[in-house]
Amino acid sequence: VNKIESPVVVPKTALEYVEDNISIFIRTNEGFKPVNVQLGKTNDKYVEIISGLVVGQEYVSAGGFTLKAELAKDSLGDGHDH
Protein backbone atom coordinates (compact mmCIF):
# COMPACT_ATOMS: atom_id res chain seq x y z
CA VAL A 1 0.00 0.00 0.00
CA ASN A 2 1.42 3.34 -1.05
CA LYS A 3 0.58 6.34 1.06
CA ILE A 4 1.68 9.89 0.33
CA GLU A 5 2.02 12.17 3.34
CA SER A 6 2.14 15.74 2.12
CA PRO A 7 0.36 19.01 2.91
CA VAL A 8 -1.28 19.17 -0.55
CA VAL A 9 -2.24 15.97 -2.35
CA VAL A 10 -4.83 15.83 -5.13
CA PRO A 11 -6.27 13.06 -7.30
CA LYS A 12 -4.56 12.78 -10.70
CA THR A 13 -7.97 13.50 -12.25
CA ALA A 14 -7.54 17.13 -11.11
CA LEU A 15 -4.56 17.70 -13.45
CA GLU A 16 -5.07 19.34 -16.82
CA TYR A 17 -2.63 20.56 -19.46
CA VAL A 18 -3.31 24.24 -20.21
CA GLU A 19 -1.00 25.88 -22.75
CA ASP A 20 1.57 23.09 -22.24
CA ASN A 21 1.62 23.60 -18.46
CA ILE A 22 0.31 21.21 -15.84
CA SER A 23 -2.54 23.06 -14.17
CA ILE A 24 -5.36 22.67 -11.70
CA PHE A 25 -8.55 24.71 -11.91
CA ILE A 26 -9.21 26.66 -8.71
CA ARG A 27 -12.33 28.48 -7.56
CA THR A 28 -12.15 32.27 -7.58
CA ASN A 29 -14.77 34.97 -6.99
CA GLU A 30 -15.21 35.16 -10.78
CA GLY A 31 -15.53 31.41 -11.32
CA PHE A 32 -12.73 28.98 -12.06
CA LYS A 33 -9.24 29.64 -13.40
CA PRO A 34 -6.26 27.40 -14.12
CA VAL A 35 -3.10 27.74 -12.04
CA ASN A 36 0.20 26.13 -12.94
CA VAL A 37 1.36 23.57 -10.41
CA GLN A 38 4.62 21.78 -9.74
CA LEU A 39 4.29 18.08 -9.04
CA GLY A 40 6.08 16.04 -6.42
CA LYS A 41 5.64 12.41 -5.40
CA THR A 42 2.92 10.36 -7.05
CA ASN A 43 1.22 7.00 -6.87
CA ASP A 44 -1.39 5.39 -9.11
CA LYS A 45 -4.20 7.72 -7.99
CA TYR A 46 -2.76 10.79 -6.25
CA VAL A 47 -0.07 13.40 -6.77
CA GLU A 48 1.69 15.76 -4.41
CA ILE A 49 1.54 19.47 -5.31
CA ILE A 50 4.80 21.21 -4.41
CA SER A 51 3.71 24.67 -5.54
CA GLY A 52 0.73 26.44 -7.09
CA LEU A 53 -1.97 25.19 -4.72
CA VAL A 54 -2.31 25.92 -1.02
CA VAL A 55 -3.87 23.86 1.76
CA GLY A 56 -7.62 24.45 1.92
CA GLN A 57 -7.91 26.01 -1.55
CA GLU A 58 -10.95 24.84 -3.50
CA TYR A 59 -10.11 23.11 -6.76
CA VAL A 60 -11.77 20.98 -9.42
CA SER A 61 -10.93 17.35 -8.67
CA ALA A 62 -12.38 15.90 -11.89
CA GLY A 63 -13.94 17.15 -15.11
CA GLY A 64 -11.54 20.05 -15.58
CA PHE A 65 -11.50 19.26 -19.30
CA THR A 66 -14.93 20.93 -19.52
CA LEU A 67 -13.53 24.13 -18.01
CA LYS A 68 -10.48 23.83 -20.28
CA ALA A 69 -12.79 23.66 -23.31
CA GLU A 70 -14.64 26.77 -22.11
CA LEU A 71 -11.31 28.55 -21.60
CA ALA A 72 -10.22 27.66 -25.15
CA LYS A 73 -13.55 28.83 -26.55
CA ASP A 74 -13.31 32.14 -24.66
CA SER A 75 -9.74 32.74 -25.86
CA LEU A 76 -10.88 32.27 -29.46
CA GLY A 77 -13.81 34.64 -28.97
CA ASP A 78 -17.38 33.62 -29.70
CA GLY A 79 -16.40 33.36 -33.33
CA HIS A 80 -19.53 31.66 -34.63
CA ASP A 81 -21.59 33.80 -36.99
CA HIS A 82 -24.83 31.85 -37.04
PDB file of N, CA and C in Angstrom:
ATOM      1  N   VAL A   1       0.848  -1.185   0.000  1.00  0.00           N
ATOM      2  CA  VAL A   1       0.000   0.000   0.000  1.00  0.00           C
ATOM      3  C   VAL A   1       0.885   1.237   0.000  1.00  0.00           C
ATOM      4  N   ASN A   2       0.683   2.082  -0.992  1.00  0.00           N
ATOM      5  CA  ASN A   2       1.422   3.344  -1.053  1.00  0.00           C
ATOM      6  C   ASN A   2       0.597   4.430  -0.392  1.00  0.00           C
ATOM      7  N   LYS A   3       1.256   5.222   0.413  1.00  0.00           N
ATOM      8  CA  LYS A   3       0.579   6.337   1.056  1.00  0.00           C
ATOM      9  C   LYS A   3       1.479   7.560   0.951  1.00  0.00           C
ATOM     10  N   ILE A   4       0.924   8.653   0.444  1.00  0.00           N
ATOM     11  CA  ILE A   4       1.683   9.891   0.327  1.00  0.00           C
ATOM     12  C   ILE A   4       1.295  10.784   1.489  1.00  0.00           C
ATOM     13  N   GLU A   5       2.280  11.235   2.244  1.00  0.00           N
ATOM     14  CA  GLU A   5       2.017  12.166   3.337  1.00  0.00           C
ATOM     15  C   GLU A   5       2.591  13.513   2.936  1.00  0.00           C
ATOM     16  N   SER A   6       1.721  14.436   2.605  1.00  0.00           N
ATOM     17  CA  SER A   6       2.143  15.739   2.119  1.00  0.00           C
ATOM     18  C   SER A   6       1.040  16.735   2.442  1.00  0.00           C
ATOM     19  N   PRO A   7       1.392  18.019   2.595  1.00  0.00           N
ATOM     20  CA  PRO A   7       0.360  19.006   2.905  1.00  0.00           C
ATOM     21  C   PRO A   7      -0.709  19.123   1.813  1.00  0.00           C
ATOM     22  N   VAL A   8      -0.303  19.036   0.536  1.00  0.00           N
ATOM     23  CA  VAL A   8      -1.277  19.173  -0.551  1.00  0.00           C
ATOM     24  C   VAL A   8      -1.150  17.975  -1.484  1.00  0.00           C
ATOM     25  N   VAL A   9      -2.180  17.145  -1.484  1.00  0.00           N
ATOM     26  CA  VAL A   9      -2.239  15.973  -2.353  1.00  0.00           C
ATOM     27  C   VAL A   9      -3.595  16.006  -3.048  1.00  0.00           C
ATOM     28  N   VAL A  10      -3.588  15.800  -4.366  1.00  0.00           N
ATOM     29  CA  VAL A  10      -4.831  15.826  -5.133  1.00  0.00           C
ATOM     30  C   VAL A  10      -4.922  14.562  -5.979  1.00  0.00           C
ATOM     31  N   PRO A  11      -6.144  14.186  -6.371  1.00  0.00           N
ATOM     32  CA  PRO A  11      -6.267  13.060  -7.300  1.00  0.00           C
ATOM     33  C   PRO A  11      -5.698  13.460  -8.662  1.00  0.00           C
ATOM     34  N   LYS A  12      -5.128  12.503  -9.370  1.00  0.00           N
ATOM     35  CA  LYS A  12      -4.559  12.780 -10.697  1.00  0.00           C
ATOM     36  C   LYS A  12      -5.617  13.327 -11.649  1.00  0.00           C
ATOM     37  N   THR A  13      -6.884  13.014 -11.392  1.00  0.00           N
ATOM     38  CA  THR A  13      -7.966  13.503 -12.250  1.00  0.00           C
ATOM     39  C   THR A  13      -8.097  15.024 -12.211  1.00  0.00           C
ATOM     40  N   ALA A  14      -7.473  15.673 -11.222  1.00  0.00           N
ATOM     41  CA  ALA A  14      -7.538  17.131 -11.108  1.00  0.00           C
ATOM     42  C   ALA A  14      -6.575  17.827 -12.076  1.00  0.00           C
ATOM     43  N   LEU A  15      -5.593  17.095 -12.602  1.00  0.00           N
ATOM     44  CA  LEU A  15      -4.563  17.696 -13.450  1.00  0.00           C
ATOM     45  C   LEU A  15      -5.051  17.886 -14.876  1.00  0.00           C
ATOM     46  N   GLU A  16      -4.764  19.044 -15.429  1.00  0.00           N
ATOM     47  CA  GLU A  16      -5.075  19.345 -16.823  1.00  0.00           C
ATOM     48  C   GLU A  16      -3.872  20.033 -17.448  1.00  0.00           C
ATOM     49  N   TYR A  17      -3.666  19.820 -18.740  1.00  0.00           N
ATOM     50  CA  TYR A  17      -2.628  20.565 -19.456  1.00  0.00           C
ATOM     51  C   TYR A  17      -3.279  21.793 -20.067  1.00  0.00           C
ATOM     52  N   VAL A  18      -2.810  22.972 -19.665  1.00  0.00           N
ATOM     53  CA  VAL A  18      -3.310  24.239 -20.208  1.00  0.00           C
ATOM     54  C   VAL A  18      -2.101  24.978 -20.757  1.00  0.00           C
ATOM     55  N   GLU A  19      -2.120  25.216 -22.072  1.00  0.00           N
ATOM     56  CA  GLU A  19      -1.003  25.885 -22.745  1.00  0.00           C
ATOM     57  C   GLU A  19       0.325  25.222 -22.390  1.00  0.00           C
ATOM     58  N   ASP A  20       0.372  23.897 -22.487  1.00  0.00           N
ATOM     59  CA  ASP A  20       1.570  23.086 -22.244  1.00  0.00           C
ATOM     60  C   ASP A  20       2.071  23.121 -20.802  1.00  0.00           C
ATOM     61  N   ASN A  21       1.260  23.599 -19.871  1.00  0.00           N
ATOM     62  CA  ASN A  21       1.618  23.603 -18.457  1.00  0.00           C
ATOM     63  C   ASN A  21       0.668  22.695 -17.691  1.00  0.00           C
ATOM     64  N   ILE A  22       1.183  22.013 -16.693  1.00  0.00           N
ATOM     65  CA  ILE A  22       0.313  21.208 -15.838  1.00  0.00           C
ATOM     66  C   ILE A  22      -0.407  22.163 -14.904  1.00  0.00           C
ATOM     67  N   SER A  23      -1.731  22.108 -14.918  1.00  0.00           N
ATOM     68  CA  SER A  23      -2.540  23.057 -14.166  1.00  0.00           C
ATOM     69  C   SER A  23      -3.643  22.350 -13.404  1.00  0.00           C
ATOM     70  N   ILE A  24      -4.168  23.071 -12.429  1.00  0.00           N
ATOM     71  CA  ILE A  24      -5.363  22.665 -11.703  1.00  0.00           C
ATOM     72  C   ILE A  24      -6.295  23.865 -11.711  1.00  0.00           C
ATOM     73  N   PHE A  25      -7.577  23.624 -11.945  1.00  0.00           N
ATOM     74  CA  PHE A  25      -8.551  24.710 -11.907  1.00  0.00           C
ATOM     75  C   PHE A  25      -8.936  24.989 -10.461  1.00  0.00           C
ATOM     76  N   ILE A  26      -8.824  26.258 -10.060  1.00  0.00           N
ATOM     77  CA  ILE A  26      -9.206  26.655  -8.709  1.00  0.00           C
ATOM     78  C   ILE A  26     -10.426  27.556  -8.763  1.00  0.00           C
ATOM     79  N   ARG A  27     -11.152  27.609  -7.658  1.00  0.00           N
ATOM     80  CA  ARG A  27     -12.327  28.477  -7.557  1.00  0.00           C
ATOM     81  C   ARG A  27     -11.872  29.879  -7.182  1.00  0.00           C
ATOM     82  N   THR A  28     -12.386  30.866  -7.914  1.00  0.00           N
ATOM     83  CA  THR A  28     -12.148  32.268  -7.579  1.00  0.00           C
ATOM     84  C   THR A  28     -13.500  32.957  -7.452  1.00  0.00           C
ATOM     85  N   ASN A  29     -13.506  34.223  -7.075  1.00  0.00           N
ATOM     86  CA  ASN A  29     -14.768  34.967  -6.989  1.00  0.00           C
ATOM     87  C   ASN A  29     -15.443  35.078  -8.349  1.00  0.00           C
ATOM     88  N   GLU A  30     -14.655  35.025  -9.435  1.00  0.00           N
ATOM     89  CA  GLU A  30     -15.207  35.159 -10.782  1.00  0.00           C
ATOM     90  C   GLU A  30     -15.567  33.813 -11.411  1.00  0.00           C
ATOM     91  N   GLY A  31     -15.275  32.728 -10.741  1.00  0.00           N
ATOM     92  CA  GLY A  31     -15.530  31.407 -11.322  1.00  0.00           C
ATOM     93  C   GLY A  31     -14.326  30.520 -11.105  1.00  0.00           C
ATOM     94  N   PHE A  32     -13.880  29.860 -12.161  1.00  0.00           N
ATOM     95  CA  PHE A  32     -12.726  28.980 -12.058  1.00  0.00           C
ATOM     96  C   PHE A  32     -11.617  29.461 -12.974  1.00  0.00           C
ATOM     97  N   LYS A  33     -10.370  29.278 -12.543  1.00  0.00           N
ATOM     98  CA  LYS A  33      -9.242  29.636 -13.399  1.00  0.00           C
ATOM     99  C   LYS A  33      -8.138  28.607 -13.197  1.00  0.00           C
ATOM    100  N   PRO A  34      -7.355  28.353 -14.261  1.00  0.00           N
ATOM    101  CA  PRO A  34      -6.257  27.404 -14.123  1.00  0.00           C
ATOM    102  C   PRO A  34      -5.052  28.051 -13.464  1.00  0.00           C
ATOM    103  N   VAL A  35      -4.375  27.301 -12.610  1.00  0.00           N
ATOM    104  CA  VAL A  35      -3.103  27.739 -12.042  1.00  0.00           C
ATOM    105  C   VAL A  35      -2.071  26.652 -12.328  1.00  0.00           C
ATOM    106  N   ASN A  36      -0.885  27.085 -12.698  1.00  0.00           N
ATOM    107  CA  ASN A  36       0.197  26.135 -12.939  1.00  0.00           C
ATOM    108  C   ASN A  36       0.646  25.548 -11.617  1.00  0.00           C
ATOM    109  N   VAL A  37       0.910  24.243 -11.626  1.00  0.00           N
ATOM    110  CA  VAL A  37       1.360  23.572 -10.414  1.00  0.00           C
ATOM    111  C   VAL A  37       2.645  22.798 -10.700  1.00  0.00           C
ATOM    112  N   GLN A  38       3.415  22.598  -9.646  1.00  0.00           N
ATOM    113  CA  GLN A  38       4.618  21.780  -9.735  1.00  0.00           C
ATOM    114  C   GLN A  38       4.343  20.496  -8.976  1.00  0.00           C
ATOM    115  N   LEU A  39       4.604  19.367  -9.623  1.00  0.00           N
ATOM    116  CA  LEU A  39       4.286  18.077  -9.039  1.00  0.00           C
ATOM    117  C   LEU A  39       5.446  17.507  -8.249  1.00  0.00           C
ATOM    118  N   GLY A  40       5.089  16.733  -7.232  1.00  0.00           N
ATOM    119  CA  GLY A  40       6.083  16.036  -6.419  1.00  0.00           C
ATOM    120  C   GLY A  40       5.873  14.544  -6.553  1.00  0.00           C
ATOM    121  N   LYS A  41       5.814  13.863  -5.418  1.00  0.00           N
ATOM    122  CA  LYS A  41       5.640  12.409  -5.399  1.00  0.00           C
ATOM    123  C   LYS A  41       4.264  12.028  -5.942  1.00  0.00           C
ATOM    124  N   THR A  42       4.181  10.826  -6.473  1.00  0.00           N
ATOM    125  CA  THR A  42       2.924  10.365  -7.053  1.00  0.00           C
ATOM    126  C   THR A  42       2.751   8.871  -6.811  1.00  0.00           C
ATOM    127  N   ASN A  43       1.502   8.432  -6.850  1.00  0.00           N
ATOM    128  CA  ASN A  43       1.224   7.002  -6.873  1.00  0.00           C
ATOM    129  C   ASN A  43       0.205   6.782  -7.982  1.00  0.00           C
ATOM    130  N   ASP A  44      -0.486   5.662  -8.001  1.00  0.00           N
ATOM    131  CA  ASP A  44      -1.387   5.387  -9.113  1.00  0.00           C
ATOM    132  C   ASP A  44      -2.626   6.279  -9.136  1.00  0.00           C
ATOM    133  N   LYS A  45      -2.980   6.907  -8.020  1.00  0.00           N
ATOM    134  CA  LYS A  45      -4.200   7.724  -7.985  1.00  0.00           C
ATOM    135  C   LYS A  45      -3.978   9.175  -7.586  1.00  0.00           C
ATOM    136  N   TYR A  46      -2.934   9.452  -6.819  1.00  0.00           N
ATOM    137  CA  TYR A  46      -2.755  10.790  -6.249  1.00  0.00           C
ATOM    138  C   TYR A  46      -1.395  11.373  -6.577  1.00  0.00           C
ATOM    139  N   VAL A  47      -1.323  12.698  -6.516  1.00  0.00           N
ATOM    140  CA  VAL A  47      -0.068  13.396  -6.775  1.00  0.00           C
ATOM    141  C   VAL A  47       0.108  14.519  -5.754  1.00  0.00           C
ATOM    142  N   GLU A  48       1.342  14.687  -5.332  1.00  0.00           N
ATOM    143  CA  GLU A  48       1.693  15.762  -4.409  1.00  0.00           C
ATOM    144  C   GLU A  48       1.873  17.047  -5.212  1.00  0.00           C
ATOM    145  N   ILE A  49       1.366  18.152  -4.687  1.00  0.00           N
ATOM    146  CA  ILE A  49       1.537  19.465  -5.307  1.00  0.00           C
ATOM    147  C   ILE A  49       2.559  20.230  -4.486  1.00  0.00           C
ATOM    148  N   ILE A  50       3.715  20.507  -5.098  1.00  0.00           N
ATOM    149  CA  ILE A  50       4.796  21.213  -4.408  1.00  0.00           C
ATOM    150  C   ILE A  50       4.538  22.714  -4.395  1.00  0.00           C
ATOM    151  N   SER A  51       4.017  23.241  -5.496  1.00  0.00           N
ATOM    152  CA  SER A  51       3.712  24.674  -5.543  1.00  0.00           C
ATOM    153  C   SER A  51       2.547  24.929  -6.487  1.00  0.00           C
ATOM    154  N   GLY A  52       1.847  26.044  -6.248  1.00  0.00           N
ATOM    155  CA  GLY A  52       0.726  26.439  -7.090  1.00  0.00           C
ATOM    156  C   GLY A  52      -0.627  26.295  -6.415  1.00  0.00           C
ATOM    157  N   LEU A  53      -0.708  25.434  -5.423  1.00  0.00           N
ATOM    158  CA  LEU A  53      -1.965  25.190  -4.717  1.00  0.00           C
ATOM    159  C   LEU A  53      -1.653  25.225  -3.225  1.00  0.00           C
ATOM    160  N   VAL A  54      -2.541  25.838  -2.456  1.00  0.00           N
ATOM    161  CA  VAL A  54      -2.308  25.920  -1.018  1.00  0.00           C
ATOM    162  C   VAL A  54      -3.331  25.076  -0.268  1.00  0.00           C
ATOM    163  N   VAL A  55      -2.983  24.667   0.924  1.00  0.00           N
ATOM    164  CA  VAL A  55      -3.872  23.858   1.759  1.00  0.00           C
ATOM    165  C   VAL A  55      -5.202  24.590   1.948  1.00  0.00           C
ATOM    166  N   GLY A  56      -6.298  23.878   1.720  1.00  0.00           N
ATOM    167  CA  GLY A  56      -7.623  24.449   1.922  1.00  0.00           C
ATOM    168  C   GLY A  56      -8.207  25.150   0.706  1.00  0.00           C
ATOM    169  N   GLN A  57      -7.410  25.329  -0.346  1.00  0.00           N
ATOM    170  CA  GLN A  57      -7.906  26.010  -1.547  1.00  0.00           C
ATOM    171  C   GLN A  57      -8.866  25.085  -2.289  1.00  0.00           C
ATOM    172  N   GLU A  58      -9.971  25.644  -2.772  1.00  0.00           N
ATOM    173  CA  GLU A  58     -10.945  24.843  -3.502  1.00  0.00           C
ATOM    174  C   GLU A  58     -10.476  24.656  -4.926  1.00  0.00           C
ATOM    175  N   TYR A  59     -10.543  23.420  -5.401  1.00  0.00           N
ATOM    176  CA  TYR A  59     -10.107  23.105  -6.758  1.00  0.00           C
ATOM    177  C   TYR A  59     -11.054  22.082  -7.373  1.00  0.00           C
ATOM    178  N   VAL A  60     -10.959  21.947  -8.691  1.00  0.00           N
ATOM    179  CA  VAL A  60     -11.774  20.982  -9.420  1.00  0.00           C
ATOM    180  C   VAL A  60     -11.027  19.656  -9.412  1.00  0.00           C
ATOM    181  N   SER A  61     -11.617  18.638  -8.802  1.00  0.00           N
ATOM    182  CA  SER A  61     -10.931  17.351  -8.668  1.00  0.00           C
ATOM    183  C   SER A  61     -11.117  16.433  -9.870  1.00  0.00           C
ATOM    184  N   ALA A  62     -12.147  16.697 -10.682  1.00  0.00           N
ATOM    185  CA  ALA A  62     -12.384  15.903 -11.889  1.00  0.00           C
ATOM    186  C   ALA A  62     -13.251  16.715 -12.835  1.00  0.00           C
ATOM    187  N   GLY A  63     -13.121  16.456 -14.129  1.00  0.00           N
ATOM    188  CA  GLY A  63     -13.945  17.150 -15.111  1.00  0.00           C
ATOM    189  C   GLY A  63     -13.398  18.502 -15.530  1.00  0.00           C
ATOM    190  N   GLY A  64     -12.144  18.777 -15.196  1.00  0.00           N
ATOM    191  CA  GLY A  64     -11.539  20.054 -15.575  1.00  0.00           C
ATOM    192  C   GLY A  64     -11.465  20.247 -17.076  1.00  0.00           C
ATOM    193  N   PHE A  65     -11.541  19.150 -17.840  1.00  0.00           N
ATOM    194  CA  PHE A  65     -11.496  19.263 -19.296  1.00  0.00           C
ATOM    195  C   PHE A  65     -12.655  20.105 -19.818  1.00  0.00           C
ATOM    196  N   THR A  66     -13.788  20.091 -19.127  1.00  0.00           N
ATOM    197  CA  THR A  66     -14.926  20.925 -19.524  1.00  0.00           C
ATOM    198  C   THR A  66     -14.577  22.397 -19.358  1.00  0.00           C
ATOM    199  N   LEU A  67     -13.951  22.750 -18.239  1.00  0.00           N
ATOM    200  CA  LEU A  67     -13.529  24.134 -18.008  1.00  0.00           C
ATOM    201  C   LEU A  67     -12.443  24.522 -19.007  1.00  0.00           C
ATOM    202  N   LYS A  68     -11.558  23.575 -19.312  1.00  0.00           N
ATOM    203  CA  LYS A  68     -10.484  23.827 -20.281  1.00  0.00           C
ATOM    204  C   LYS A  68     -11.084  24.135 -21.653  1.00  0.00           C
ATOM    205  N   ALA A  69     -12.123  23.413 -22.029  1.00  0.00           N
ATOM    206  CA  ALA A  69     -12.786  23.658 -23.311  1.00  0.00           C
ATOM    207  C   ALA A  69     -13.428  25.044 -23.324  1.00  0.00           C
ATOM    208  N   GLU A  70     -14.052  25.434 -22.218  1.00  0.00           N
ATOM    209  CA  GLU A  70     -14.640  26.774 -22.114  1.00  0.00           C
ATOM    210  C   GLU A  70     -13.557  27.848 -22.207  1.00  0.00           C
ATOM    211  N   LEU A  71     -12.428  27.614 -21.566  1.00  0.00           N
ATOM    212  CA  LEU A  71     -11.314  28.545 -21.596  1.00  0.00           C
ATOM    213  C   LEU A  71     -10.810  28.716 -23.028  1.00  0.00           C
ATOM    214  N   ALA A  72     -10.674  27.617 -23.760  1.00  0.00           N
ATOM    215  CA  ALA A  72     -10.216  27.660 -25.150  1.00  0.00           C
ATOM    216  C   ALA A  72     -11.218  28.416 -26.012  1.00  0.00           C
ATOM    217  N   LYS A  73     -12.501  28.157 -25.785  1.00  0.00           N
ATOM    218  CA  LYS A  73     -13.548  28.830 -26.551  1.00  0.00           C
ATOM    219  C   LYS A  73     -13.518  30.331 -26.280  1.00  0.00           C
ATOM    220  N   ASP A  74     -13.362  30.726 -25.017  1.00  0.00           N
ATOM    221  CA  ASP A  74     -13.307  32.138 -24.657  1.00  0.00           C
ATOM    222  C   ASP A  74     -12.088  32.820 -25.265  1.00  0.00           C
ATOM    223  N   SER A  75     -10.949  32.122 -25.325  1.00  0.00           N
ATOM    224  CA  SER A  75      -9.745  32.743 -25.858  1.00  0.00           C
ATOM    225  C   SER A  75      -9.841  32.925 -27.369  1.00  0.00           C
ATOM    226  N   LEU A  76     -10.675  32.127 -28.021  1.00  0.00           N
ATOM    227  CA  LEU A  76     -10.879  32.274 -29.459  1.00  0.00           C
ATOM    228  C   LEU A  76     -11.964  33.300 -29.767  1.00  0.00           C
ATOM    229  N   GLY A  77     -12.663  33.744 -28.766  1.00  0.00           N
ATOM    230  CA  GLY A  77     -13.813  34.636 -28.971  1.00  0.00           C
ATOM    231  C   GLY A  77     -15.018  33.787 -29.298  1.00  0.00           C
ATOM    232  N   ASP A  78     -16.169  34.399 -29.411  1.00  0.00           N
ATOM    233  CA  ASP A  78     -17.380  33.621 -29.699  1.00  0.00           C
ATOM    234  C   ASP A  78     -17.352  33.094 -31.116  1.00  0.00           C
ATOM    235  N   GLY A  79     -16.768  33.831 -32.014  1.00  0.00           N
ATOM    236  CA  GLY A  79     -16.397  33.355 -33.331  1.00  0.00           C
ATOM    237  C   GLY A  79     -17.453  32.763 -34.247  1.00  0.00           C
ATOM    238  N   HIS A  80     -18.537  32.267 -33.755  1.00  0.00           N
ATOM    239  CA  HIS A  80     -19.534  31.661 -34.634  1.00  0.00           C
ATOM    240  C   HIS A  80     -20.515  32.706 -35.095  1.00  0.00           C
ATOM    241  N   ASP A  81     -20.641  32.842 -36.413  1.00  0.00           N
ATOM    242  CA  ASP A  81     -21.588  33.805 -36.991  1.00  0.00           C
ATOM    243  C   ASP A  81     -22.789  33.059 -37.534  1.00  0.00           C
ATOM    244  N   HIS A  82     -23.630  32.577 -36.616  1.00  0.00           N
ATOM    245  CA  HIS A  82     -24.833  31.850 -37.044  1.00  0.00           C
ATOM    246  C   HIS A  82     -26.003  32.777 -37.050  1.00  0.00           C
TER     247      HIS A  82
END
